[in-house]
Each structure stands twice: as C-alpha cells, then as structure tokens.
C-alpha cells in the first residue's frame, strides 16, 4: 500500500508545525513567567514597588506572553530556504519520502519516535525538537484511512 500526494508550501502549516514542536517549551516558559509575575506582585504588595519587584513582574509577563512569538520567529528564521517549497509526500509500509526540486529525504518508520494525532494533522515525532506534520486536509478520506492502516503496522522506535 502506498499513498502519494502533492504538498504545496504553506506558511501557516509551517507555523502550525513549529508551534506543535515548541509547545512543551512554551508551556514551561508560561508557567515560569506566571510564577515570576505573581511573586513580583506579592512582593510589591509587601515591600512596595521597587526596581526588583517591577522587573520581576515585567519579566514574568514577557515570559508568559511574548516568548512563543519570539521562539516561533527564531525557528522560522533558522530554517533552510530549501524547505520552503512544494514537495511530493509518499508514505508506504517502509517509511516516508519527501521529494522536492532541491532535496529528497527518506525516513524509515524506525526513526519515528511517536505519532501524535491532532484534529487537523498527524505529527510524526522524529526527535523532541523535530516533527513532520502530515495534514489531513491534503488527503482524501481513502488516503486518511490507508494512512491510519499504515500507522497501525509500523514498528515504533
């Protein structure tokens, strides 16, 4: 069984994939930021506003609110321009192939640590910081069911 489809370059899908990969770090930063802001606010109530308490609140809010867009921007900037092109995705029992004008990459199923299904996509986790998003809206209903069957057969890493 083989599934083949054209995957057009889409900045929004790329951002969605990067957000998925960054989500664990962003959650930690938000929690740390909220703790810092709350601690700063409590200290401000006890000791009055000082440079330290104001800085703690401001840095906490920056961590809680501004770090996701900053990390996303940094990740987009770090990508090789060759990744910003259409490619052909082929999935079979042996693995996944992505072929574009500038590159060809083959991933065996054994390199996939886990598969995380979301409402709009399957994210194939290669490492903690690298995932391949396979978006459901690019597949027909038959291709989606074939993909699920292939996933069920794969040997996890």
Protein backbone atom coordinates (compact mmCIF):
# COMPACT_ATOMS: atom_id res chain seq x y z
CA UNK A 1 0.00 0.00 0.00
CA UNK A 2 1.35 3.42 -0.96
CA UNK A 3 -0.05 6.91 -0.52
CA UNK A 4 1.31 9.74 -2.64
CA UNK A 5 0.27 13.38 -2.55
CA UNK A 6 1.44 16.83 -3.51
CA UNK A 7 2.15 19.09 -0.54
CA UNK A 8 2.16 22.77 -1.51
CA UNK A 9 4.26 25.14 0.58
CA UNK A 10 2.05 26.91 3.10
CA UNK A 11 3.46 29.35 5.69
CA UNK A 12 0.51 28.74 8.04
CA UNK A 13 1.06 24.98 8.03
CA UNK A 14 4.75 25.54 8.66
CA UNK A 15 3.93 27.82 11.62
CA UNK A 16 1.46 25.23 12.93
CA UNK A 17 4.10 22.50 12.80
CA UNK A 18 6.66 24.70 14.56
CA UNK A 19 4.14 25.66 17.26
CA UNK A 20 3.46 21.99 17.82
CA UNK A 21 7.16 21.26 18.32
CA UNK A 22 7.66 24.31 20.56
CA UNK A 23 4.54 23.74 22.68
CA UNK A 24 6.26 21.91 25.57
CA UNK A 25 8.90 24.63 25.99
CA UNK A 26 6.32 27.39 25.63
CA UNK A 27 4.15 25.84 28.37
CA UNK A 28 7.12 25.73 30.74
CA UNK A 29 8.04 29.33 29.97
CA UNK A 30 4.44 30.45 30.53
CA UNK A 31 4.30 28.72 33.92
CA UNK A 32 7.66 30.19 34.95
CA UNK A 33 6.53 33.62 33.75
CA UNK A 34 3.26 33.48 35.65
CA UNK A 35 5.07 32.39 38.82
CA UNK A 36 7.58 35.23 38.41
CA UNK A 37 4.82 37.79 37.82
CA UNK A 38 2.77 36.55 40.78
CA UNK A 39 5.83 36.54 43.05
CA UNK A 40 6.71 40.06 41.94
CA UNK A 41 3.14 41.24 42.58
CA UNK A 42 3.08 39.71 46.06
CA UNK A 43 6.47 41.20 46.91
CA UNK A 44 5.28 44.53 45.57
CA UNK A 45 2.29 44.43 47.94
CA UNK A 46 4.53 43.56 50.90
CA UNK A 47 7.55 45.79 50.26
CA UNK A 48 6.13 48.36 47.90
CA UNK A 49 7.22 48.91 44.31
CA UNK A 50 10.96 48.53 43.86
CA UNK A 51 13.09 48.02 40.79
CA UNK A 52 13.37 44.32 41.64
CA UNK A 53 9.63 43.73 42.08
CA UNK A 54 8.73 45.70 38.96
CA UNK A 55 11.41 43.87 36.96
CA UNK A 56 10.12 40.51 38.25
CA UNK A 57 6.56 41.33 37.16
CA UNK A 58 7.63 42.65 33.75
CA UNK A 59 9.96 39.72 33.03
CA UNK A 60 7.29 37.30 34.18
CA UNK A 61 4.76 38.81 31.80
CA UNK A 62 7.29 38.73 28.95
CA UNK A 63 7.93 35.02 29.59
CA UNK A 64 4.20 34.30 29.85
CA UNK A 65 3.11 36.26 26.77
CA UNK A 66 5.94 37.15 24.39
CA UNK A 67 8.15 34.06 24.31
CA UNK A 68 6.00 31.98 21.94
CA UNK A 69 6.05 34.54 19.12
CA UNK A 70 9.77 35.13 19.69
CA UNK A 71 10.62 31.40 19.59
CA UNK A 72 8.42 30.93 16.52
CA UNK A 73 10.11 33.83 14.72
CA UNK A 74 13.55 32.48 15.64
CA UNK A 75 12.64 28.98 14.41
CA UNK A 76 11.30 30.32 11.10
CA UNK A 77 14.46 32.34 10.58
CA UNK A 78 16.66 29.30 11.22
CA UNK A 79 15.00 27.15 8.55
CA UNK A 80 16.86 26.39 5.36
CA UNK A 81 15.20 28.23 2.43
CA UNK A 82 15.06 24.92 0.51
CA UNK A 83 12.37 23.74 2.93
CA UNK A 84 10.07 26.50 1.70
CA UNK A 85 8.91 24.78 -1.47
CA UNK A 86 6.30 22.33 -2.65
CA UNK A 87 7.14 18.66 -2.33
CA UNK A 88 5.73 15.24 -3.04
CA UNK A 89 5.00 13.09 0.00
CA UNK A 90 4.93 9.31 -0.37
CA UNK A 91 4.00 7.05 2.53
CA UNK A 92 4.33 3.27 2.48
CA UNK A 93 4.98 0.39 4.85
CA UNK A 94 8.75 1.09 4.82
CA UNK A 95 8.55 4.80 5.66
CA UNK A 96 8.04 8.28 4.33
CA UNK A 97 9.65 10.04 1.38
CA UNK A 98 9.60 13.78 0.76
CA UNK A 99 10.84 14.86 -2.66
CA UNK A 100 11.21 18.44 -3.83
CA UNK A 101 13.30 20.13 -6.51
CA UNK A 102 16.13 20.87 -4.05
CA UNK A 103 16.06 17.79 -1.85
CA UNK A 104 14.85 14.26 -1.29
CA UNK A 105 14.52 12.76 2.17
CA UNK A 106 13.54 9.24 3.20
CA UNK A 107 12.54 8.40 6.77
CA UNK A 108 12.15 4.79 7.85
CA UNK A 109 9.37 4.15 10.35
CA UNK A 110 12.04 3.16 12.87
CA UNK A 111 13.18 6.82 13.02
CA UNK A 112 9.74 7.99 14.19
CA UNK A 113 9.63 8.08 18.00
CA UNK A 114 5.88 8.54 18.21
CA UNK A 115 2.85 9.77 16.31
CA UNK A 116 0.68 12.47 17.85
CA UNK A 117 -2.72 12.80 16.19
CA UNK A 118 -4.37 16.21 16.31
CA UNK A 119 -7.73 17.22 14.79
CA UNK A 120 -6.03 18.70 11.71
CA UNK A 121 -2.87 16.60 11.36
CA UNK A 122 -0.66 13.75 12.42
CA UNK A 123 2.68 14.89 13.81
CA UNK A 124 5.41 12.30 13.38
CA UNK A 125 7.94 12.99 16.13
CA UNK A 126 11.48 12.35 14.94
CA UNK A 127 13.13 13.96 17.98
CA UNK A 128 11.79 16.13 20.80
CA UNK A 129 12.55 19.16 18.66
CA UNK A 130 11.70 17.84 15.18
CA UNK A 131 8.37 16.70 13.78
CA UNK A 132 6.86 16.12 10.39
CA UNK A 133 3.28 17.32 10.08
CA UNK A 134 1.05 15.33 7.77
CA UNK A 135 -2.08 17.40 7.32
CA UNK A 136 -5.42 15.68 6.93
CA UNK A 137 -6.92 18.29 4.62
CA UNK A 138 -4.35 17.36 1.95
CA UNK A 139 -5.64 13.76 1.86
CA UNK A 140 -8.77 12.15 0.57
CA UNK A 141 -10.87 10.10 3.00
CA UNK A 142 -9.47 6.93 1.43
CA UNK A 143 -5.88 8.16 1.85
CA UNK A 144 -6.55 9.02 5.50
CA UNK A 145 -7.85 5.51 6.19
CA UNK A 146 -4.88 3.98 4.34
CA UNK A 147 -2.52 6.18 6.37
CA UNK A 148 -4.12 5.02 9.63
CA UNK A 149 -3.69 1.41 8.48
CA UNK A 150 -0.01 2.02 7.72
CA UNK A 151 0.46 3.68 11.11
CA UNK A 152 -1.08 0.66 12.82
CA UNK A 153 1.51 -1.62 11.14
CA UNK A 154 4.59 0.48 11.87
CA UNK A 155 7.29 -0.60 14.29
CA UNK A 156 7.76 2.16 16.90
CA UNK A 157 11.27 3.45 17.60
